[in-house]
Protein backbone atom coordinates (compact mmCIF):
# COMPACT_ATOMS: atom_id res chain seq x y z
CA MET A 1 0.73 34.63 0.43
CA ALA A 2 3.47 32.30 -0.79
CA GLN A 3 3.68 31.55 -4.48
CA LEU A 4 1.95 28.42 -5.74
CA GLN A 5 4.28 25.50 -6.33
CA PRO A 6 4.46 24.37 -9.97
CA VAL A 7 3.08 21.16 -11.42
CA LEU A 8 5.08 18.74 -13.58
CA ILE A 9 3.45 18.26 -16.99
CA ALA A 10 5.03 16.93 -20.19
CA GLY A 11 8.53 17.09 -18.74
CA GLN A 12 8.27 20.72 -17.63
CA TRP A 13 7.72 22.41 -14.28
CA ARG A 14 5.19 25.11 -14.92
CA PRO A 15 2.56 27.25 -13.16
CA SER A 16 -0.69 25.42 -12.56
CA ARG A 17 -3.98 26.34 -14.16
CA SER A 18 -5.41 25.84 -10.72
CA ALA A 19 -8.94 25.78 -9.38
CA GLY A 20 -7.79 26.60 -5.85
CA SER A 21 -4.92 26.07 -3.43
CA PHE A 22 -3.99 24.48 -0.11
CA SER A 23 -1.17 24.59 2.41
CA PRO A 24 -0.10 21.51 4.39
CA LEU A 25 0.45 21.61 8.15
CA ASN A 26 3.38 20.38 10.17
CA PRO A 27 1.56 17.94 12.48
CA SER A 28 4.20 18.32 15.21
CA THR A 29 3.48 22.06 15.53
CA ARG A 30 0.05 22.43 13.90
CA GLN A 31 1.59 25.28 11.90
CA SER A 32 1.69 25.70 8.13
CA THR A 33 4.82 24.44 6.39
CA GLY A 34 4.89 27.76 4.52
CA GLU A 35 4.34 26.25 1.08
CA VAL A 36 1.19 26.57 -1.03
CA PHE A 37 0.12 24.02 -3.62
CA PRO A 38 -2.43 24.14 -6.43
CA VAL A 39 -5.68 22.26 -6.81
CA SER A 40 -5.63 21.21 -10.47
CA SER A 41 -8.55 22.15 -12.69
CA LEU A 42 -10.37 19.74 -14.99
CA GLU A 43 -8.64 21.39 -17.95
CA GLU A 44 -5.22 20.70 -16.43
CA VAL A 45 -6.06 17.10 -15.59
CA GLU A 46 -7.32 16.48 -19.13
CA GLU A 47 -3.98 17.71 -20.46
CA VAL A 48 -2.02 15.51 -18.09
CA ILE A 49 -4.02 12.47 -19.21
CA ALA A 50 -3.53 13.25 -22.90
CA VAL A 51 0.21 13.73 -22.49
CA ALA A 52 0.46 10.46 -20.55
CA ALA A 53 -1.32 8.65 -23.37
CA GLN A 54 1.29 9.97 -25.81
CA ALA A 55 4.07 8.85 -23.49
CA SER A 56 2.42 5.42 -23.29
CA GLU A 57 2.88 5.00 -27.04
CA ALA A 58 6.44 6.33 -26.95
CA LEU A 59 7.37 3.87 -24.21
CA LEU A 60 6.51 0.95 -26.51
CA ALA A 61 9.79 1.65 -28.31
CA VAL A 62 11.79 1.82 -25.05
CA PRO A 63 13.48 -1.47 -24.13
CA ALA A 64 13.11 -2.96 -20.66
CA GLU A 65 16.80 -2.29 -20.01
CA ALA A 66 16.21 1.46 -20.33
CA ARG A 67 13.33 1.37 -17.85
CA ALA A 68 15.57 -0.56 -15.47
CA ARG A 69 18.34 2.03 -15.80
CA PHE A 70 15.86 4.81 -15.06
CA LEU A 71 14.64 3.11 -11.87
CA GLU A 72 18.20 2.51 -10.70
CA ARG A 73 19.32 6.04 -11.51
CA PHE A 74 16.28 7.44 -9.74
CA ALA A 75 17.19 5.43 -6.65
CA GLU A 76 20.73 6.83 -6.78
CA ARG A 77 19.46 10.40 -7.07
CA ILE A 78 17.12 9.93 -4.09
CA GLU A 79 20.06 8.72 -2.02
CA ALA A 80 22.18 11.69 -3.12
CA ARG A 81 19.48 14.08 -1.92
CA ARG A 82 18.69 12.01 1.14
CA ALA A 83 19.09 14.67 3.84
CA GLU A 84 16.80 17.22 2.18
CA ILE A 85 14.11 14.68 1.29
CA VAL A 86 14.09 13.16 4.77
CA ALA A 87 13.99 16.57 6.47
CA LEU A 88 10.97 17.71 4.48
CA ALA A 89 9.20 14.37 4.95
CA HIS A 90 9.72 14.78 8.70
CA ALA A 91 8.33 18.33 8.65
CA GLU A 92 5.25 17.32 6.67
CA SER A 93 4.47 14.01 8.41
CA GLY A 94 5.84 14.33 11.94
CA LEU A 95 7.49 10.93 11.50
CA PRO A 96 10.93 10.76 13.17
CA VAL A 97 14.01 11.25 11.02
CA LYS A 98 15.81 8.38 12.76
CA PRO A 99 15.31 5.57 12.56
CA ARG A 100 11.99 5.70 10.68
CA LEU A 101 12.58 7.92 7.65
CA ASP A 102 16.34 7.90 7.19
CA GLU A 103 17.26 4.37 8.20
CA VAL A 104 14.10 2.39 7.40
CA GLU A 105 11.77 4.02 4.90
CA LEU A 106 14.22 5.65 2.51
CA PRO A 107 16.33 2.47 2.10
CA ARG A 108 13.13 0.50 1.55
CA THR A 109 12.10 3.00 -1.11
CA THR A 110 15.33 2.79 -3.06
CA GLY A 111 15.49 -0.95 -2.53
CA GLN A 112 12.11 -1.57 -4.09
CA LEU A 113 12.99 0.70 -7.02
CA ARG A 114 16.03 -1.50 -7.63
CA GLN A 115 13.97 -4.67 -7.28
CA ALA A 116 11.53 -3.32 -9.86
CA ALA A 117 14.47 -2.52 -12.14
CA GLN A 118 15.68 -6.09 -11.90
CA ALA A 119 12.19 -7.41 -12.67
CA ALA A 120 11.95 -5.18 -15.73
CA ARG A 121 15.37 -6.28 -16.94
CA GLN A 122 14.76 -10.00 -16.43
CA SER A 123 11.14 -9.82 -17.78
CA SER A 124 9.90 -13.12 -16.33
CA TRP A 125 7.02 -11.11 -14.82
CA THR A 126 5.48 -11.07 -18.31
CA LEU A 127 4.85 -14.86 -18.05
CA PRO A 128 5.65 -15.69 -21.70
CA THR A 129 3.67 -18.76 -22.74
CA ILE A 130 4.18 -20.63 -26.00
CA ASP A 131 2.01 -23.39 -27.46
CA THR A 132 3.88 -24.65 -30.51
CA LYS A 133 1.16 -27.06 -31.62
CA ALA A 134 -1.56 -24.39 -31.71
CA GLY A 135 0.80 -21.66 -32.95
CA ILE A 136 -0.33 -19.34 -30.15
CA ARG A 137 1.91 -17.30 -27.86
CA SER A 138 1.04 -14.88 -25.05
CA CYS A 139 2.60 -12.57 -22.48
CA PHE A 140 1.77 -9.62 -20.29
CA ALA A 141 2.51 -6.17 -21.73
CA PRO A 142 1.98 -2.50 -20.78
CA LEU A 143 -1.46 -0.95 -20.71
CA GLU A 144 -2.65 1.75 -23.05
CA GLY A 145 -2.53 5.14 -21.33
CA GLY A 146 -1.05 6.39 -18.08
CA VAL A 147 -1.33 4.75 -14.66
CA VAL A 148 -2.71 7.07 -11.99
CA VAL A 149 -1.11 6.62 -8.55
CA PHE A 150 -2.70 7.97 -5.36
CA GLY A 151 -0.21 7.73 -2.49
CA PRO A 152 -1.26 7.44 1.19
CA ASN A 153 -0.42 9.79 4.05
CA ASN A 154 1.47 7.33 6.28
CA PHE A 155 4.45 6.46 4.07
CA PRO A 156 5.74 9.68 2.48
CA LEU A 157 8.58 7.82 0.72
CA ALA A 158 7.94 4.07 0.37
CA PHE A 159 4.34 4.46 -0.82
CA ASN A 160 4.73 7.91 -2.36
CA SER A 161 2.97 8.43 -5.68
CA VAL A 162 6.35 9.31 -7.25
CA SER A 163 8.61 6.73 -5.62
CA GLY A 164 6.56 4.02 -3.95
CA GLY A 165 5.62 0.49 -4.82
CA ASP A 166 2.76 1.32 -7.19
CA PHE A 167 4.99 3.81 -9.02
CA ALA A 168 7.86 1.34 -9.33
CA ALA A 169 5.56 -1.44 -10.55
CA ALA A 170 3.87 0.74 -13.15
CA ILE A 171 7.15 2.02 -14.57
CA ALA A 172 8.79 -1.41 -14.57
CA ALA A 173 5.80 -2.77 -16.49
CA GLY A 174 6.29 -0.06 -19.13
CA ASN A 175 3.64 2.50 -18.21
CA PRO A 176 3.89 6.27 -17.63
CA VAL A 177 2.70 7.48 -14.23
CA ILE A 178 0.34 10.31 -13.38
CA ALA A 179 1.19 10.95 -9.74
CA LYS A 180 -1.48 12.51 -7.53
CA ALA A 181 0.39 13.63 -4.44
CA ASN A 182 -1.04 13.06 -1.01
CA SER A 183 -2.04 16.40 0.48
CA SER A 184 -0.18 15.58 3.70
CA HIS A 185 3.25 15.59 2.06
CA PRO A 186 3.14 17.45 -1.28
CA GLY A 187 6.55 19.08 -0.78
CA THR A 188 8.25 15.74 -0.30
CA THR A 189 6.53 14.48 -3.44
CA ARG A 190 7.77 17.53 -5.36
CA LEU A 191 11.38 16.82 -4.35
CA LEU A 192 11.05 13.21 -5.46
CA ALA A 193 9.50 14.28 -8.77
CA GLU A 194 12.44 16.63 -9.38
CA GLU A 195 14.81 13.70 -9.10
CA ALA A 196 12.58 11.48 -11.22
CA LEU A 197 12.57 14.06 -14.02
CA ALA A 198 16.36 14.40 -13.85
CA ALA A 199 16.71 10.60 -14.04
CA LEU A 200 14.37 10.49 -17.05
CA LYS A 201 16.54 12.98 -18.87
CA GLU A 202 19.72 11.09 -17.99
CA THR A 203 18.39 7.76 -19.21
CA GLY A 204 16.53 8.99 -22.31
CA LEU A 205 12.99 7.97 -21.39
CA PRO A 206 10.08 10.11 -22.63
CA PRO A 207 9.96 13.20 -20.38
CA ALA A 208 6.23 12.71 -19.70
CA THR A 209 6.85 9.24 -18.24
CA VAL A 210 6.37 10.90 -14.82
CA GLN A 211 3.92 13.76 -14.23
CA LEU A 212 2.78 15.31 -10.97
CA ILE A 213 -0.33 17.09 -9.77
CA TYR A 214 -1.12 17.73 -6.10
CA ARG A 215 -4.86 17.77 -5.53
CA THR A 216 -8.18 17.76 -7.38
CA ASP A 217 -11.76 18.23 -6.29
CA HIS A 218 -13.92 15.11 -6.03
CA GLN A 219 -15.52 15.38 -9.46
CA VAL A 220 -12.19 15.92 -11.21
CA GLY A 221 -10.70 12.99 -9.31
CA GLN A 222 -13.52 10.76 -10.53
CA ARG A 223 -12.90 11.93 -14.08
CA LEU A 224 -9.20 11.19 -13.67
CA VAL A 225 -9.69 7.50 -12.81
CA SER A 226 -12.46 6.93 -15.36
CA HIS A 227 -11.02 8.75 -18.37
CA PRO A 228 -10.92 6.73 -21.63
CA LEU A 229 -7.19 7.45 -22.03
CA VAL A 230 -6.21 6.22 -18.56
CA GLY A 231 -4.88 2.68 -18.29
CA ALA A 232 -5.43 1.92 -14.58
CA THR A 233 -5.26 3.41 -11.09
CA GLY A 234 -3.44 2.41 -7.92
CA TYR A 235 -5.00 3.90 -4.78
CA THR A 236 -4.09 3.69 -1.10
CA GLY A 237 -6.23 5.62 1.34
CA SER A 238 -9.56 5.80 3.12
CA ARG A 239 -12.35 3.38 2.33
CA HIS A 240 -14.90 6.12 1.66
CA ALA A 241 -12.81 8.04 -0.87
CA GLY A 242 -11.55 4.83 -2.48
CA LEU A 243 -15.04 3.49 -3.06
CA VAL A 244 -16.14 6.76 -4.66
CA LEU A 245 -13.23 6.47 -7.10
CA LYS A 246 -13.94 2.78 -7.66
CA GLU A 247 -17.54 3.47 -8.58
CA ALA A 248 -16.41 5.98 -11.20
CA ALA A 249 -13.70 3.67 -12.57
CA ASP A 250 -16.02 0.65 -12.65
CA ARG A 251 -18.65 2.55 -14.62
CA ALA A 252 -16.00 3.27 -17.25
CA GLY A 253 -14.55 -0.25 -17.17
CA LYS A 254 -11.19 1.00 -15.92
CA PRO A 255 -9.05 -1.15 -13.59
CA ILE A 256 -8.50 0.33 -10.14
CA TYR A 257 -6.47 -1.38 -7.42
CA LEU A 258 -7.44 -0.27 -3.94
CA GLU A 259 -5.93 -0.59 -0.50
CA LEU A 260 -8.66 0.64 1.82
CA SER A 261 -8.87 -0.37 5.47
CA SER A 262 -7.77 -3.24 7.66
CA ILE A 263 -7.98 -4.10 11.37
CA ASN A 264 -5.67 -7.13 11.13
CA PRO A 265 -7.08 -9.57 13.73
CA VAL A 266 -4.67 -11.22 16.15
CA LEU A 267 -5.83 -14.44 17.84
CA LEU A 268 -4.13 -15.19 21.17
CA LEU A 269 -4.89 -18.81 22.04
CA PRO A 270 -5.05 -19.87 25.70
CA GLY A 271 -1.92 -22.01 25.78
CA ALA A 272 0.19 -19.18 24.39
CA LEU A 273 -1.02 -16.82 27.13
CA ARG A 274 -0.31 -19.38 29.85
CA GLU A 275 3.14 -20.02 28.44
CA ARG A 276 4.32 -16.46 27.74
CA GLY A 277 1.52 -13.97 28.32
CA ALA A 278 3.79 -11.17 29.59
CA GLU A 279 6.05 -11.53 26.57
CA ILE A 280 3.10 -11.37 24.17
CA ALA A 281 1.70 -8.32 25.98
CA GLY A 282 4.96 -6.51 25.27
CA GLU A 283 4.96 -7.55 21.63
CA PHE A 284 1.37 -6.42 21.17
CA ALA A 285 1.84 -3.03 22.85
CA THR A 286 4.94 -2.33 20.77
CA SER A 287 3.23 -3.37 17.54
CA CYS A 288 0.09 -1.36 18.22
CA LEU A 289 1.82 1.84 19.34
CA VAL A 290 4.88 2.05 17.09
CA GLY A 291 4.58 5.03 14.76
CA ALA A 292 1.47 6.08 16.70
CA GLY A 293 -0.23 3.03 15.21
CA GLN A 294 -0.33 4.56 11.74
CA PHE A 295 0.36 1.38 9.79
CA CYS A 296 -2.08 -0.39 7.51
CA THR A 297 -1.03 -3.62 9.27
CA ASN A 298 -1.56 -2.29 12.80
CA PRO A 299 -3.21 -4.94 15.06
CA GLY A 300 -6.57 -3.24 15.50
CA ILE A 301 -8.47 -6.18 16.99
CA VAL A 302 -7.39 -8.99 19.32
CA LEU A 303 -9.46 -12.12 19.97
CA LEU A 304 -8.99 -13.92 23.31
CA LEU A 305 -10.88 -16.59 25.24
CA ALA A 306 -12.26 -15.65 28.66
CA GLY A 307 -10.11 -16.77 31.57
CA THR A 308 -7.60 -15.79 34.23
CA GLU A 309 -4.69 -15.57 31.81
CA THR A 310 -6.70 -13.28 29.53
CA GLU A 311 -7.50 -10.89 32.39
CA GLN A 312 -3.84 -10.84 33.39
CA PHE A 313 -2.89 -10.08 29.80
CA ILE A 314 -5.38 -7.21 29.66
CA THR A 315 -4.09 -5.72 32.91
CA ALA A 316 -0.51 -5.85 31.60
CA VAL A 317 -1.42 -4.25 28.29
CA VAL A 318 -3.40 -1.44 29.93
CA GLU A 319 -0.36 -0.56 32.02
CA LYS A 320 1.90 -0.60 28.98
CA PHE A 321 -0.48 1.69 27.08
CA ARG A 322 -0.58 4.11 30.01
CA ALA A 323 3.19 4.15 30.38
CA ALA A 324 4.11 4.41 26.69
CA PRO A 325 4.78 7.82 25.14
CA VAL A 326 2.07 9.19 22.87
CA GLY A 327 3.24 9.67 19.30
CA THR A 328 2.45 12.44 16.85
CA LEU A 329 -0.28 11.69 14.32
CA LEU A 330 0.04 12.52 10.64
CA GLY A 331 -2.33 15.46 10.79
CA GLU A 332 -5.49 17.00 12.18
CA GLY A 333 -7.62 14.84 9.90
CA VAL A 334 -6.13 11.66 11.35
CA GLU A 335 -6.70 12.98 14.87
CA ARG A 336 -10.37 13.77 14.12
CA SER A 337 -10.95 10.46 12.39
CA LEU A 338 -9.42 8.49 15.27
CA ALA A 339 -11.61 10.30 17.80
CA GLN A 340 -14.70 9.58 15.71
CA SER A 341 -13.79 5.91 15.31
CA VAL A 342 -13.17 5.40 19.04
CA ALA A 343 -16.49 7.08 19.82
CA ALA A 344 -18.23 4.85 17.28
CA LEU A 345 -16.73 1.73 18.86
CA GLN A 346 -17.96 2.85 22.27
CA LYS A 347 -21.43 3.56 20.88
CA ALA A 348 -21.46 0.01 19.46
CA GLY A 349 -20.82 -1.42 22.92
CA ALA A 350 -17.04 -1.37 23.47
CA GLU A 351 -15.79 -0.45 26.94
CA LEU A 352 -12.94 2.07 27.14
CA LEU A 353 -10.03 0.74 29.25
CA VAL A 354 -7.47 3.49 28.73
CA GLY A 355 -7.10 6.62 26.58
CA GLY A 356 -9.98 7.75 24.42
CA GLN A 357 -9.16 11.47 24.22
CA ALA A 358 -7.15 13.68 21.90
CA GLY A 359 -3.81 14.98 23.14
CA GLY A 360 -1.06 13.47 25.21
CA GLY A 361 1.70 14.02 22.66
CA ALA A 362 3.34 16.72 20.58
CA GLY A 363 1.08 18.46 18.08
CA CYS A 364 -1.61 16.29 16.55
CA SER A 365 -2.00 13.36 18.93
CA PHE A 366 -4.40 10.98 20.65
CA ASN A 367 -3.87 9.14 23.92
CA ASN A 368 -2.95 5.49 23.58
CA THR A 369 -6.33 3.78 23.55
CA LEU A 370 -7.50 0.28 24.40
CA LEU A 371 -11.09 -0.98 24.42
CA ARG A 372 -12.76 -4.31 25.15
CA VAL A 373 -16.02 -5.97 24.21
CA SER A 374 -17.62 -9.32 24.89
CA GLY A 375 -17.82 -11.90 22.16
CA ALA A 376 -21.62 -11.85 22.32
CA ARG A 377 -21.73 -8.08 21.85
CA PHE A 378 -19.23 -8.30 19.00
CA LEU A 379 -21.40 -10.82 17.17
CA ALA A 380 -24.46 -8.62 17.70
CA ALA A 381 -22.76 -5.56 16.18
CA SER A 382 -19.85 -7.00 14.20
CA GLU A 383 -19.95 -4.45 11.37
CA ALA A 384 -19.89 -1.43 13.68
CA LEU A 385 -17.19 -2.98 15.86
CA GLN A 386 -14.91 -3.59 12.87
CA GLN A 387 -14.61 0.10 12.03
CA GLU A 388 -10.94 0.88 11.49
CA ALA A 389 -9.53 3.17 14.18
CA PHE A 390 -6.42 4.31 12.29
CA GLY A 391 -3.84 5.17 14.91
CA ASN A 392 -2.71 4.09 18.36
CA ALA A 393 -5.86 2.19 19.34
CA SER A 394 -7.02 -1.42 19.49
CA LEU A 395 -10.09 -3.44 20.49
CA LEU A 396 -9.97 -6.62 22.59
CA VAL A 397 -12.77 -9.14 21.93
CA ILE A 398 -13.31 -11.70 24.69
CA ALA A 399 -14.99 -14.92 23.54
CA GLN A 400 -16.73 -17.08 26.13
CA ASP A 401 -15.67 -20.37 24.58
CA GLU A 402 -14.18 -21.96 21.48
CA ALA A 403 -17.50 -22.11 19.63
CA GLN A 404 -17.99 -18.39 20.10
CA ALA A 405 -14.39 -17.73 19.00
CA GLU A 406 -15.12 -19.65 15.80
CA ALA A 407 -18.26 -17.59 15.19
CA ILE A 408 -16.28 -14.38 15.68
CA CYS A 409 -13.67 -15.51 13.16
CA ARG A 410 -16.45 -16.20 10.66
CA ALA A 411 -17.76 -12.66 11.23
CA PHE A 412 -14.42 -10.99 10.46
CA GLU A 413 -14.34 -8.89 7.31
CA GLY A 414 -11.48 -9.10 4.81
CA ASN A 415 -8.11 -7.90 6.08
CA LEU A 416 -4.53 -7.50 4.95
CA THR A 417 -3.19 -9.70 7.72
CA GLY A 418 -4.25 -12.10 10.44
CA ALA A 419 -2.10 -13.65 13.17
CA LEU A 420 -2.37 -16.55 15.61
CA TYR A 421 -0.27 -17.10 18.73
CA THR A 422 -0.01 -20.70 19.95
CA ASP A 423 1.92 -22.45 22.68
CA ARG A 424 5.16 -24.17 21.78
CA ALA A 425 4.19 -27.47 23.44
CA GLY A 426 1.30 -28.07 21.05
CA GLY A 427 -1.54 -27.60 23.52
CA ASP A 428 -3.28 -25.10 21.20
CA GLU A 429 -3.02 -27.33 18.12
CA ALA A 430 -6.65 -28.50 18.08
CA LEU A 431 -7.99 -24.95 18.41
CA TYR A 432 -5.48 -23.72 15.83
CA GLN A 433 -6.75 -26.32 13.36
CA ARG A 434 -10.30 -25.14 14.05
CA LEU A 435 -9.70 -21.39 13.67
CA ALA A 436 -6.81 -21.03 11.23
CA PRO A 437 -8.67 -22.31 8.12
CA ILE A 438 -11.43 -19.76 8.76
CA LEU A 439 -9.00 -16.90 9.31
CA ARG A 440 -6.84 -17.97 6.36
CA ARG A 441 -9.52 -16.99 3.82
CA LYS A 442 -10.23 -13.70 5.57
CA VAL A 443 -6.70 -12.31 5.17
CA GLY A 444 -4.04 -11.83 2.52
CA ARG A 445 -1.13 -12.76 4.81
CA LEU A 446 -1.32 -15.20 7.71
CA LEU A 447 1.25 -14.97 10.52
CA GLU A 448 2.00 -17.29 13.41
CA ASP A 449 3.62 -16.18 16.68
CA LYS A 450 4.39 -12.81 15.12
CA MET A 451 2.69 -9.41 15.16
CA PRO A 452 1.63 -8.11 11.74
CA THR A 453 3.23 -4.64 11.79
CA GLY A 454 5.67 -4.25 8.93
CA VAL A 455 5.65 -5.41 5.34
CA ALA A 456 8.78 -7.00 3.88
CA VAL A 457 9.58 -6.16 0.26
CA SER A 458 9.80 -9.79 -0.77
CA PRO A 459 8.72 -11.62 -3.94
CA ALA A 460 6.60 -13.87 -1.70
CA MET A 461 4.82 -10.98 0.06
CA ASN A 462 1.09 -10.44 -0.34
CA HIS A 463 0.06 -6.95 0.70
CA GLY A 464 -3.54 -7.41 -0.27
CA GLY A 465 -6.59 -9.33 0.84
CA PRO A 466 -10.36 -9.68 0.57
CA TYR A 467 -12.61 -6.62 0.63
CA PRO A 468 -12.62 -4.20 2.43
CA ALA A 469 -8.85 -4.53 2.83
CA THR A 470 -8.52 -4.12 -0.93
CA GLY A 471 -10.76 -3.98 -3.97
CA HIS A 472 -9.68 -7.41 -5.25
CA PRO A 473 -8.17 -10.37 -3.34
CA GLY A 474 -6.03 -11.56 -6.24
CA PHE A 475 -3.49 -8.73 -6.33
CA THR A 476 -0.72 -7.35 -4.14
CA ALA A 477 0.67 -3.83 -3.76
CA VAL A 478 3.97 -5.18 -2.37
CA GLY A 479 5.86 -8.12 -3.80
CA ILE A 480 7.82 -7.85 -7.01
CA PRO A 481 7.26 -9.18 -9.66
CA SER A 482 3.60 -10.00 -8.83
CA SER A 483 2.74 -6.34 -8.24
CA LEU A 484 3.71 -5.45 -11.83
CA ARG A 485 0.92 -7.50 -13.35
CA ARG A 486 -1.73 -5.14 -11.96
CA PHE A 487 -0.59 -2.63 -14.56
CA ALA A 488 -0.45 -4.92 -17.58
CA MET A 489 -2.71 -6.61 -20.10
CA LEU A 490 -2.46 -10.17 -21.35
CA GLN A 491 -1.69 -10.16 -25.08
CA SER A 492 -2.09 -13.25 -27.23
CA PHE A 493 -0.52 -13.74 -30.69
CA ASP A 494 -2.06 -16.31 -33.04
CA ASN A 495 -0.10 -17.35 -36.15
CA VAL A 496 1.95 -14.13 -36.00
CA ARG A 497 5.20 -14.15 -37.97
CA PRO A 498 8.30 -14.53 -35.81
CA HIS A 499 9.80 -11.12 -36.55
CA HIS A 500 6.48 -9.46 -35.59
CA LEU A 501 6.44 -11.03 -32.12
CA PRO A 502 7.65 -9.31 -28.94
CA PRO A 503 11.20 -10.39 -28.02
CA GLU A 504 9.87 -12.41 -25.08
CA LEU A 505 7.90 -14.67 -27.45
CA ARG A 506 10.45 -15.28 -30.20
CA ASP A 507 12.22 -18.59 -30.53
CA LYS A 508 15.45 -17.30 -28.98
CA ASN A 509 15.33 -16.35 -25.30
CA PRO A 510 16.19 -12.61 -25.43
CA THR A 511 18.09 -12.53 -22.12
CA GLY A 512 18.94 -16.14 -21.39
CA GLN A 513 17.43 -15.57 -17.93
CA LEU A 514 13.78 -15.14 -18.93
CA TRP A 515 11.57 -17.98 -17.69
CA ARG A 516 9.05 -19.07 -20.31
CA LEU A 517 6.35 -21.74 -20.34
CA ILE A 518 6.92 -23.66 -23.57
CA ASP A 519 4.52 -26.51 -24.27
CA GLY A 520 3.79 -26.91 -20.58
CA ALA A 521 7.39 -26.84 -19.30
CA TRP A 522 9.16 -23.88 -17.66
CA THR A 523 12.55 -23.18 -19.22
CA GLN A 524 15.15 -20.47 -19.68
CA GLY A 525 16.31 -22.05 -22.92
CA ASP A 526 15.61 -21.20 -26.54
CA MET A 527 12.84 -22.86 -28.48
CA PRO A 528 13.87 -26.35 -29.60
CA ALA A 529 15.01 -26.42 -33.21
CA LYS A 530 12.42 -27.81 -35.60
CA SER A 531 13.29 -31.20 -37.02
């Protein structure tokens, strides 16, 4: 048997005090990657947490500029090791090297690290607020203890626990990270952690600012997120596992930010189908099937009104699903889960139009799958019919009339995204005005005439939404600087002497670029001189 890979604790790669082991599979071949990784024991996790707490205190003396330099140097080191990282990510995930990993995901990863660096350097994310009359000043500041990051299986680089958005936000906000690798790509995570440690040493940050473990059992995982010395947790993954962790964290009063499941409803209004139904069919098929549908913003449910144009649209989409190649899924677990979800949708009353069986592609795969259900049946079993089928599958809901379409929108659960397609001549405007306000409060991001697949790393992005898309509708996992404030606490200073204040709250603007709210007005200037 291959030797166990080491864990990264307190700035050192060392053998794990493991409670077991696992070996990931290459989903394209269903064969082992040849590497074996440890399952960390409770004793090991307790040590990681304690070391992170010490690093949390040490980071208080590290200026924002140093954190920014670390993030930038880490990005440079990832780019220098690009070929090796991308090759291993491909082997562990089955995702194509080009364009997905090499030309899209890796640049996004390094780009968001650099955006986080800029946010740390500029510091406006801390929202410094000064009330001169009351003598009170406040700003956001790092948490006490480490931030635990659980990365998902579908983005081995851009959402990785050692390089992704949660990681970048936590570090930029001044917190150490305890990275819990996703079991689907632990080798990729190890390579990234090697470069993170090297960047820490080069930039002089505490060596325990980044630590890495690979897997825990359920009880140890619950202890990890609820430990008194942990500051917060960022989690992306299945709803079931996320809610188990949330229950443990909530009992201990520990913040946990969850991205769970989303079916991302797309509403195709009648005028849009009459105007450009064939074009929309192509857009939908591409969006649903790209990457074998393994995106958290995949359009998993489509609402249409009954009619000739709708039936023509369905016929066109069925043909596109049949003709499109079947992609490789991220692993056997995804394949099993997709099969179970499709079966559950059928049991709830959905009619299978195409696909529905495992296979059709290389390695772990599932035939491109499309189902339909009447609006009446959807309303009778809306919870069961909103089960996420993570992968290359989608459900079409056919409403009999506008009133039923409105009722269906009201029955939608919380989602990351929602989209409406309307005609360009304005014929759908009245129905848009009827449905959009309902959908708007069901989703974190509303799109018009655009499929939801893809998440831009933009300051205006909201990659969040009402439950069950996430655990809290007020936070985003993508969108710097907003994402940083998940991993911070609001600190208020009352009558504190000037030299005891954080730099952000002193009379002189520490960078000249920092936006501060002073007596109700936003400014980048210094405090006005006292008369």
